[in-house]
Each structure stands twice: as structure tokens, then as C-alpha cells.
PDB file of all heavy atoms in Angstrom:
ATOM      1  N   GLY A   1      -7.240 -20.361  -1.565  1.00  0.00           N
ATOM      2  CA  GLY A   1      -6.792 -21.727  -1.100  1.00  0.00           C
ATOM      3  C   GLY A   1      -5.822 -22.424  -2.051  1.00  0.00           C
ATOM      4  O   GLY A   1      -4.748 -22.901  -1.655  1.00  0.00           O
ATOM      5  N   THR A   2      -6.105 -22.247  -3.317  1.00  0.00           N
ATOM      6  CA  THR A   2      -5.180 -22.873  -4.328  1.00  0.00           C
ATOM      7  C   THR A   2      -3.876 -22.122  -4.370  1.00  0.00           C
ATOM      8  O   THR A   2      -2.792 -22.762  -4.399  1.00  0.00           O
ATOM      9  CB  THR A   2      -5.867 -22.854  -5.744  1.00  0.00           C
ATOM     10  OG1 THR A   2      -7.120 -23.536  -5.667  1.00  0.00           O
ATOM     11  CG2 THR A   2      -4.977 -23.473  -6.789  1.00  0.00           C
ATOM     12  N   THR A   3      -3.925 -20.805  -4.268  1.00  0.00           N
ATOM     13  CA  THR A   3      -2.686 -20.047  -4.237  1.00  0.00           C
ATOM     14  C   THR A   3      -1.856 -20.323  -3.057  1.00  0.00           C
ATOM     15  O   THR A   3      -0.568 -20.461  -3.068  1.00  0.00           O
ATOM     16  CB  THR A   3      -2.979 -18.507  -4.341  1.00  0.00           C
ATOM     17  OG1 THR A   3      -3.774 -18.266  -5.482  1.00  0.00           O
ATOM     18  CG2 THR A   3      -1.722 -17.657  -4.450  1.00  0.00           C
ATOM     19  N   LEU A   4      -2.504 -20.408  -1.862  1.00  0.00           N
ATOM     20  CA  LEU A   4      -1.768 -20.697  -0.599  1.00  0.00           C
ATOM     21  C   LEU A   4      -1.179 -22.086  -0.672  1.00  0.00           C
ATOM     22  O   LEU A   4      -0.053 -22.316  -0.265  1.00  0.00           O
ATOM     23  CB  LEU A   4      -2.735 -20.531   0.630  1.00  0.00           C
ATOM     24  CG  LEU A   4      -2.051 -20.613   1.949  1.00  0.00           C
ATOM     25  CD1 LEU A   4      -0.975 -19.584   2.111  1.00  0.00           C
ATOM     26  CD2 LEU A   4      -3.099 -20.447   3.006  1.00  0.00           C
ATOM     27  N   ASN A   5      -1.903 -23.044  -1.174  1.00  0.00           N
ATOM     28  CA  ASN A   5      -1.408 -24.464  -1.394  1.00  0.00           C
ATOM     29  C   ASN A   5      -0.183 -24.440  -2.245  1.00  0.00           C
ATOM     30  O   ASN A   5       0.812 -25.143  -1.949  1.00  0.00           O
ATOM     31  CB  ASN A   5      -2.443 -25.364  -1.894  1.00  0.00           C
ATOM     32  CG  ASN A   5      -3.467 -25.750  -0.851  1.00  0.00           C
ATOM     33  OD1 ASN A   5      -3.300 -25.455   0.360  1.00  0.00           O
ATOM     34  ND2 ASN A   5      -4.581 -26.309  -1.306  1.00  0.00           N
ATOM     35  N   CYS A   6      -0.209 -23.696  -3.367  1.00  0.00           N
ATOM     36  CA  CYS A   6       0.949 -23.622  -4.257  1.00  0.00           C
ATOM     37  C   CYS A   6       2.170 -23.059  -3.518  1.00  0.00           C
ATOM     38  O   CYS A   6       3.265 -23.528  -3.682  1.00  0.00           O
ATOM     39  CB  CYS A   6       0.650 -22.812  -5.552  1.00  0.00           C
ATOM     40  SG  CYS A   6      -0.401 -23.705  -6.656  1.00  0.00           S
ATOM     41  N   LEU A   7       1.892 -21.995  -2.763  1.00  0.00           N
ATOM     42  CA  LEU A   7       2.944 -21.355  -1.971  1.00  0.00           C
ATOM     43  C   LEU A   7       3.579 -22.343  -1.015  1.00  0.00           C
ATOM     44  O   LEU A   7       4.793 -22.308  -0.834  1.00  0.00           O
ATOM     45  CB  LEU A   7       2.359 -20.119  -1.229  1.00  0.00           C
ATOM     46  CG  LEU A   7       3.297 -19.210  -0.518  1.00  0.00           C
ATOM     47  CD1 LEU A   7       4.131 -18.434  -1.528  1.00  0.00           C
ATOM     48  CD2 LEU A   7       2.503 -18.231   0.332  1.00  0.00           C
ATOM     49  N   LEU A   8       2.762 -23.065  -0.322  1.00  0.00           N
ATOM     50  CA  LEU A   8       3.254 -24.073   0.626  1.00  0.00           C
ATOM     51  C   LEU A   8       4.007 -25.223  -0.019  1.00  0.00           C
ATOM     52  O   LEU A   8       4.890 -25.816   0.613  1.00  0.00           O
ATOM     53  CB  LEU A   8       2.108 -24.566   1.511  1.00  0.00           C
ATOM     54  CG  LEU A   8       1.430 -23.627   2.403  1.00  0.00           C
ATOM     55  CD1 LEU A   8       0.128 -24.120   2.944  1.00  0.00           C
ATOM     56  CD2 LEU A   8       2.396 -23.200   3.507  1.00  0.00           C
ATOM     57  N   LEU A   9       3.632 -25.583  -1.275  1.00  0.00           N
ATOM     58  CA  LEU A   9       4.247 -26.785  -1.894  1.00  0.00           C
ATOM     59  C   LEU A   9       5.439 -26.423  -2.786  1.00  0.00           C
ATOM     60  O   LEU A   9       6.232 -27.333  -3.091  1.00  0.00           O
ATOM     61  CB  LEU A   9       3.201 -27.519  -2.705  1.00  0.00           C
ATOM     62  CG  LEU A   9       2.104 -28.140  -1.912  1.00  0.00           C
ATOM     63  CD1 LEU A   9       1.009 -28.674  -2.874  1.00  0.00           C
ATOM     64  CD2 LEU A   9       2.609 -29.227  -1.016  1.00  0.00           C
ATOM     65  N   ARG A  10       5.587 -25.163  -3.206  1.00  0.00           N
ATOM     66  CA  ARG A  10       6.698 -24.826  -4.123  1.00  0.00           C
ATOM     67  C   ARG A  10       7.643 -23.843  -3.472  1.00  0.00           C
ATOM     68  O   ARG A  10       7.227 -22.730  -3.191  1.00  0.00           O
ATOM     69  CB  ARG A  10       6.095 -24.181  -5.356  1.00  0.00           C
ATOM     70  CG  ARG A  10       5.308 -25.201  -6.234  1.00  0.00           C
ATOM     71  CD  ARG A  10       4.777 -24.597  -7.483  1.00  0.00           C
ATOM     72  NE  ARG A  10       5.831 -23.860  -8.206  1.00  0.00           N
ATOM     73  CZ  ARG A  10       5.552 -23.063  -9.207  1.00  0.00           C
ATOM     74  NH1 ARG A  10       4.264 -22.880  -9.579  1.00  0.00           N
ATOM     75  NH2 ARG A  10       6.500 -22.464  -9.857  1.00  0.00           N
ATOM     76  N   LYS A  11       8.791 -24.297  -3.218  1.00  0.00           N
ATOM     77  CA  LYS A  11       9.806 -23.572  -2.533  1.00  0.00           C
ATOM     78  C   LYS A  11      10.194 -22.290  -3.320  1.00  0.00           C
ATOM     79  O   LYS A  11      10.503 -21.232  -2.767  1.00  0.00           O
ATOM     80  CB  LYS A  11      11.021 -24.376  -2.247  1.00  0.00           C
ATOM     81  CG  LYS A  11      12.053 -23.799  -1.394  1.00  0.00           C
ATOM     82  CD  LYS A  11      13.130 -24.770  -1.072  1.00  0.00           C
ATOM     83  CE  LYS A  11      14.142 -24.156  -0.136  1.00  0.00           C
ATOM     84  NZ  LYS A  11      15.108 -25.123   0.314  1.00  0.00           N
ATOM     85  N   ASP A  12      10.128 -22.371  -4.664  1.00  0.00           N
ATOM     86  CA  ASP A  12      10.541 -21.257  -5.452  1.00  0.00           C
ATOM     87  C   ASP A  12       9.570 -20.060  -5.344  1.00  0.00           C
ATOM     88  O   ASP A  12       9.861 -18.954  -5.748  1.00  0.00           O
ATOM     89  CB  ASP A  12      10.609 -21.690  -6.985  1.00  0.00           C
ATOM     90  CG  ASP A  12       9.362 -22.193  -7.498  1.00  0.00           C
ATOM     91  OD1 ASP A  12       8.711 -23.035  -6.860  1.00  0.00           O
ATOM     92  OD2 ASP A  12       8.997 -21.871  -8.645  1.00  0.00           O
ATOM     93  N   LEU A  13       8.329 -20.268  -4.829  1.00  0.00           N
ATOM     94  CA  LEU A  13       7.362 -19.183  -4.645  1.00  0.00           C
ATOM     95  C   LEU A  13       7.571 -18.480  -3.288  1.00  0.00           C
ATOM     96  O   LEU A  13       6.959 -17.453  -3.086  1.00  0.00           O
ATOM     97  CB  LEU A  13       5.958 -19.727  -4.801  1.00  0.00           C
ATOM     98  CG  LEU A  13       5.580 -20.232  -6.174  1.00  0.00           C
ATOM     99  CD1 LEU A  13       4.116 -20.735  -6.174  1.00  0.00           C
ATOM    100  CD2 LEU A  13       5.776 -19.105  -7.219  1.00  0.00           C
ATOM    101  N   CYS A  14       8.313 -19.038  -2.410  1.00  0.00           N
ATOM    102  CA  CYS A  14       8.487 -18.499  -1.062  1.00  0.00           C
ATOM    103  C   CYS A  14       9.641 -17.511  -1.103  1.00  0.00           C
ATOM    104  O   CYS A  14      10.752 -17.807  -0.633  1.00  0.00           O
ATOM    105  CB  CYS A  14       8.651 -19.560  -0.027  1.00  0.00           C
ATOM    106  SG  CYS A  14       7.288 -20.553   0.282  1.00  0.00           S
ATOM    107  N   SER A  15       9.335 -16.290  -1.628  1.00  0.00           N
ATOM    108  CA  SER A  15      10.451 -15.316  -1.669  1.00  0.00           C
ATOM    109  C   SER A  15       9.816 -13.892  -1.420  1.00  0.00           C
ATOM    110  O   SER A  15       8.560 -13.777  -1.509  1.00  0.00           O
ATOM    111  CB  SER A  15      11.109 -15.291  -3.061  1.00  0.00           C
ATOM    112  OG  SER A  15      10.181 -14.955  -4.054  1.00  0.00           O
ATOM    113  N   TRP A  16      10.654 -12.966  -1.174  1.00  0.00           N
ATOM    114  CA  TRP A  16      10.234 -11.613  -0.917  1.00  0.00           C
ATOM    115  C   TRP A  16       9.476 -11.013  -2.114  1.00  0.00           C
ATOM    116  O   TRP A  16       8.433 -10.420  -1.974  1.00  0.00           O
ATOM    117  CB  TRP A  16      11.472 -10.775  -0.565  1.00  0.00           C
ATOM    118  CG  TRP A  16      11.079  -9.317  -0.269  1.00  0.00           C
ATOM    119  CD1 TRP A  16      10.598  -8.821   0.923  1.00  0.00           C
ATOM    120  CD2 TRP A  16      11.207  -8.233  -1.186  1.00  0.00           C
ATOM    121  NE1 TRP A  16      10.479  -7.487   0.798  1.00  0.00           N
ATOM    122  CE2 TRP A  16      10.798  -7.091  -0.504  1.00  0.00           C
ATOM    123  CE3 TRP A  16      11.670  -8.090  -2.482  1.00  0.00           C
ATOM    124  CZ2 TRP A  16      10.752  -5.800  -1.065  1.00  0.00           C
ATOM    125  CZ3 TRP A  16      11.620  -6.887  -3.074  1.00  0.00           C
ATOM    126  CH2 TRP A  16      11.210  -5.714  -2.331  1.00  0.00           C
ATOM    127  N   SER A  17      10.018 -11.199  -3.299  1.00  0.00           N
ATOM    128  CA  SER A  17       9.410 -10.678  -4.479  1.00  0.00           C
ATOM    129  C   SER A  17       8.031 -11.282  -4.761  1.00  0.00           C
ATOM    130  O   SER A  17       7.162 -10.624  -5.199  1.00  0.00           O
ATOM    131  CB  SER A  17      10.372 -10.832  -5.706  1.00  0.00           C
ATOM    132  OG  SER A  17      10.601 -12.190  -5.972  1.00  0.00           O
ATOM    133  N   CYS A  18       7.925 -12.566  -4.499  1.00  0.00           N
ATOM    134  CA  CYS A  18       6.609 -13.242  -4.699  1.00  0.00           C
ATOM    135  C   CYS A  18       5.588 -12.606  -3.681  1.00  0.00           C
ATOM    136  O   CYS A  18       4.443 -12.448  -3.984  1.00  0.00           O
ATOM    137  CB  CYS A  18       6.727 -14.737  -4.554  1.00  0.00           C
ATOM    138  SG  CYS A  18       5.190 -15.578  -4.847  1.00  0.00           S
ATOM    139  N   GLY A  19       6.094 -12.375  -2.433  1.00  0.00           N
ATOM    140  CA  GLY A  19       5.209 -11.767  -1.477  1.00  0.00           C
ATOM    141  C   GLY A  19       4.706 -10.403  -1.880  1.00  0.00           C
ATOM    142  O   GLY A  19       3.591 -10.079  -1.685  1.00  0.00           O
ATOM    143  N   ILE A  20       5.573  -9.591  -2.492  1.00  0.00           N
ATOM    144  CA  ILE A  20       5.228  -8.314  -2.992  1.00  0.00           C
ATOM    145  C   ILE A  20       4.208  -8.448  -4.064  1.00  0.00           C
ATOM    146  O   ILE A  20       3.134  -7.712  -4.077  1.00  0.00           O
ATOM    147  CB  ILE A  20       6.443  -7.547  -3.531  1.00  0.00           C
ATOM    148  CG1 ILE A  20       7.425  -7.221  -2.433  1.00  0.00           C
ATOM    149  CG2 ILE A  20       6.048  -6.301  -4.347  1.00  0.00           C
ATOM    150  CD1 ILE A  20       7.010  -6.080  -1.534  1.00  0.00           C
ATOM    151  N   GLN A  21       4.424  -9.339  -5.022  1.00  0.00           N
ATOM    152  CA  GLN A  21       3.468  -9.519  -6.144  1.00  0.00           C
ATOM    153  C   GLN A  21       2.106 -10.029  -5.632  1.00  0.00           C
ATOM    154  O   GLN A  21       1.075  -9.541  -6.074  1.00  0.00           O
ATOM    155  CB  GLN A  21       4.067 -10.536  -7.136  1.00  0.00           C
ATOM    156  CG  GLN A  21       3.285 -10.703  -8.377  1.00  0.00           C
ATOM    157  CD  GLN A  21       3.979 -11.648  -9.358  1.00  0.00           C
ATOM    158  OE1 GLN A  21       4.861 -12.362  -8.959  1.00  0.00           O
ATOM    159  NE2 GLN A  21       3.573 -11.625 -10.560  1.00  0.00           N
ATOM    160  N   LEU A  22       2.143 -10.966  -4.654  1.00  0.00           N
ATOM    161  CA  LEU A  22       0.863 -11.480  -4.109  1.00  0.00           C
ATOM    162  C   LEU A  22       0.110 -10.358  -3.438  1.00  0.00           C
ATOM    163  O   LEU A  22      -1.120 -10.204  -3.628  1.00  0.00           O
ATOM    164  CB  LEU A  22       1.163 -12.568  -3.044  1.00  0.00           C
ATOM    165  CG  LEU A  22       1.201 -13.996  -3.510  1.00  0.00           C
ATOM    166  CD1 LEU A  22       1.653 -14.919  -2.369  1.00  0.00           C
ATOM    167  CD2 LEU A  22      -0.183 -14.436  -4.047  1.00  0.00           C
ATOM    168  N   ARG A  23       0.800  -9.583  -2.592  1.00  0.00           N
ATOM    169  CA  ARG A  23       0.107  -8.423  -1.902  1.00  0.00           C
ATOM    170  C   ARG A  23      -0.485  -7.430  -2.858  1.00  0.00           C
ATOM    171  O   ARG A  23      -1.538  -6.909  -2.648  1.00  0.00           O
ATOM    172  CB  ARG A  23       1.115  -7.835  -0.939  1.00  0.00           C
ATOM    173  CG  ARG A  23       0.477  -6.878   0.016  1.00  0.00           C
ATOM    174  CD  ARG A  23      -0.560  -7.579   0.902  1.00  0.00           C
ATOM    175  NE  ARG A  23      -1.449  -6.670   1.562  1.00  0.00           N
ATOM    176  CZ  ARG A  23      -2.724  -6.601   1.489  1.00  0.00           C
ATOM    177  NH1 ARG A  23      -3.384  -7.426   0.686  1.00  0.00           N
ATOM    178  NH2 ARG A  23      -3.427  -5.668   2.050  1.00  0.00           N
ATOM    179  N   HIS A  24       0.235  -7.131  -3.911  1.00  0.00           N
ATOM    180  CA  HIS A  24      -0.253  -6.189  -4.917  1.00  0.00           C
ATOM    181  C   HIS A  24      -1.517  -6.730  -5.562  1.00  0.00           C
ATOM    182  O   HIS A  24      -2.508  -6.020  -5.689  1.00  0.00           O
ATOM    183  CB  HIS A  24       0.788  -5.952  -6.011  1.00  0.00           C
ATOM    184  CG  HIS A  24       0.271  -5.138  -7.156  1.00  0.00           C
ATOM    185  ND1 HIS A  24      -0.031  -3.809  -7.078  1.00  0.00           N
ATOM    186  CD2 HIS A  24      -0.050  -5.510  -8.378  1.00  0.00           C
ATOM    187  CE1 HIS A  24      -0.479  -3.380  -8.226  1.00  0.00           C
ATOM    188  NE2 HIS A  24      -0.544  -4.404  -9.073  1.00  0.00           N
ATOM    189  N   ASN A  25      -1.456  -8.021  -5.984  1.00  0.00           N
ATOM    190  CA  ASN A  25      -2.657  -8.579  -6.651  1.00  0.00           C
ATOM    191  C   ASN A  25      -3.859  -8.680  -5.682  1.00  0.00           C
ATOM    192  O   ASN A  25      -4.984  -8.403  -6.097  1.00  0.00           O
ATOM    193  CB  ASN A  25      -2.320 -10.013  -7.136  1.00  0.00           C
ATOM    194  CG  ASN A  25      -1.318  -9.911  -8.346  1.00  0.00           C
ATOM    195  OD1 ASN A  25      -1.224  -8.894  -8.991  1.00  0.00           O
ATOM    196  ND2 ASN A  25      -0.651 -11.027  -8.592  1.00  0.00           N
ATOM    197  N   ILE A  26      -3.602  -8.999  -4.431  1.00  0.00           N
ATOM    198  CA  ILE A  26      -4.641  -9.058  -3.466  1.00  0.00           C
ATOM    199  C   ILE A  26      -5.286  -7.665  -3.191  1.00  0.00           C
ATOM    200  O   ILE A  26      -6.496  -7.566  -3.115  1.00  0.00           O
ATOM    201  CB  ILE A  26      -4.199  -9.702  -2.109  1.00  0.00           C
ATOM    202  CG1 ILE A  26      -3.807 -11.164  -2.311  1.00  0.00           C
ATOM    203  CG2 ILE A  26      -5.235  -9.583  -1.106  1.00  0.00           C
ATOM    204  CD1 ILE A  26      -3.021 -11.744  -1.217  1.00  0.00           C
ATOM    205  N   SER A  27      -4.437  -6.706  -3.138  1.00  0.00           N
ATOM    206  CA  SER A  27      -4.982  -5.348  -2.957  1.00  0.00           C
ATOM    207  C   SER A  27      -5.781  -4.863  -4.105  1.00  0.00           C
ATOM    208  O   SER A  27      -6.792  -4.201  -3.940  1.00  0.00           O
ATOM    209  CB  SER A  27      -3.822  -4.356  -2.636  1.00  0.00           C
ATOM    210  OG  SER A  27      -3.023  -4.142  -3.786  1.00  0.00           O
ATOM    211  N   ARG A  28      -5.474  -5.353  -5.309  1.00  0.00           N
ATOM    212  CA  ARG A  28      -6.290  -4.997  -6.514  1.00  0.00           C
ATOM    213  C   ARG A  28      -7.679  -5.652  -6.379  1.00  0.00           C
ATOM    214  O   ARG A  28      -8.666  -5.085  -6.730  1.00  0.00           O
ATOM    215  CB  ARG A  28      -5.605  -5.453  -7.768  1.00  0.00           C
ATOM    216  CG  ARG A  28      -4.284  -4.724  -8.089  1.00  0.00           C
ATOM    217  CD  ARG A  28      -4.400  -3.268  -8.413  1.00  0.00           C
ATOM    218  NE  ARG A  28      -5.308  -2.959  -9.480  1.00  0.00           N
ATOM    219  CZ  ARG A  28      -4.943  -2.611 -10.663  1.00  0.00           C
ATOM    220  NH1 ARG A  28      -3.677  -2.533 -10.962  1.00  0.00           N
ATOM    221  NH2 ARG A  28      -5.799  -2.431 -11.587  1.00  0.00           N
TER     222      ARG A  28
END
């Protein structure tokens, strides 16, 4: 929830590379 809220509030986190990093961390 905190990560999703940060993603929704910070435009700099809404990018393809951030999506890759998030997905990698979640898969771990």
C-alpha cells in the first residue's frame, strides 16, 4: 500500500524502468 501510494503521488516513479524494478522486487 505504501509503495502504491508513492507511485501514485510521485510522477518520477511512473516509468518503465521503475516498473521493471518493482516487478523484479515483487517476484523476489
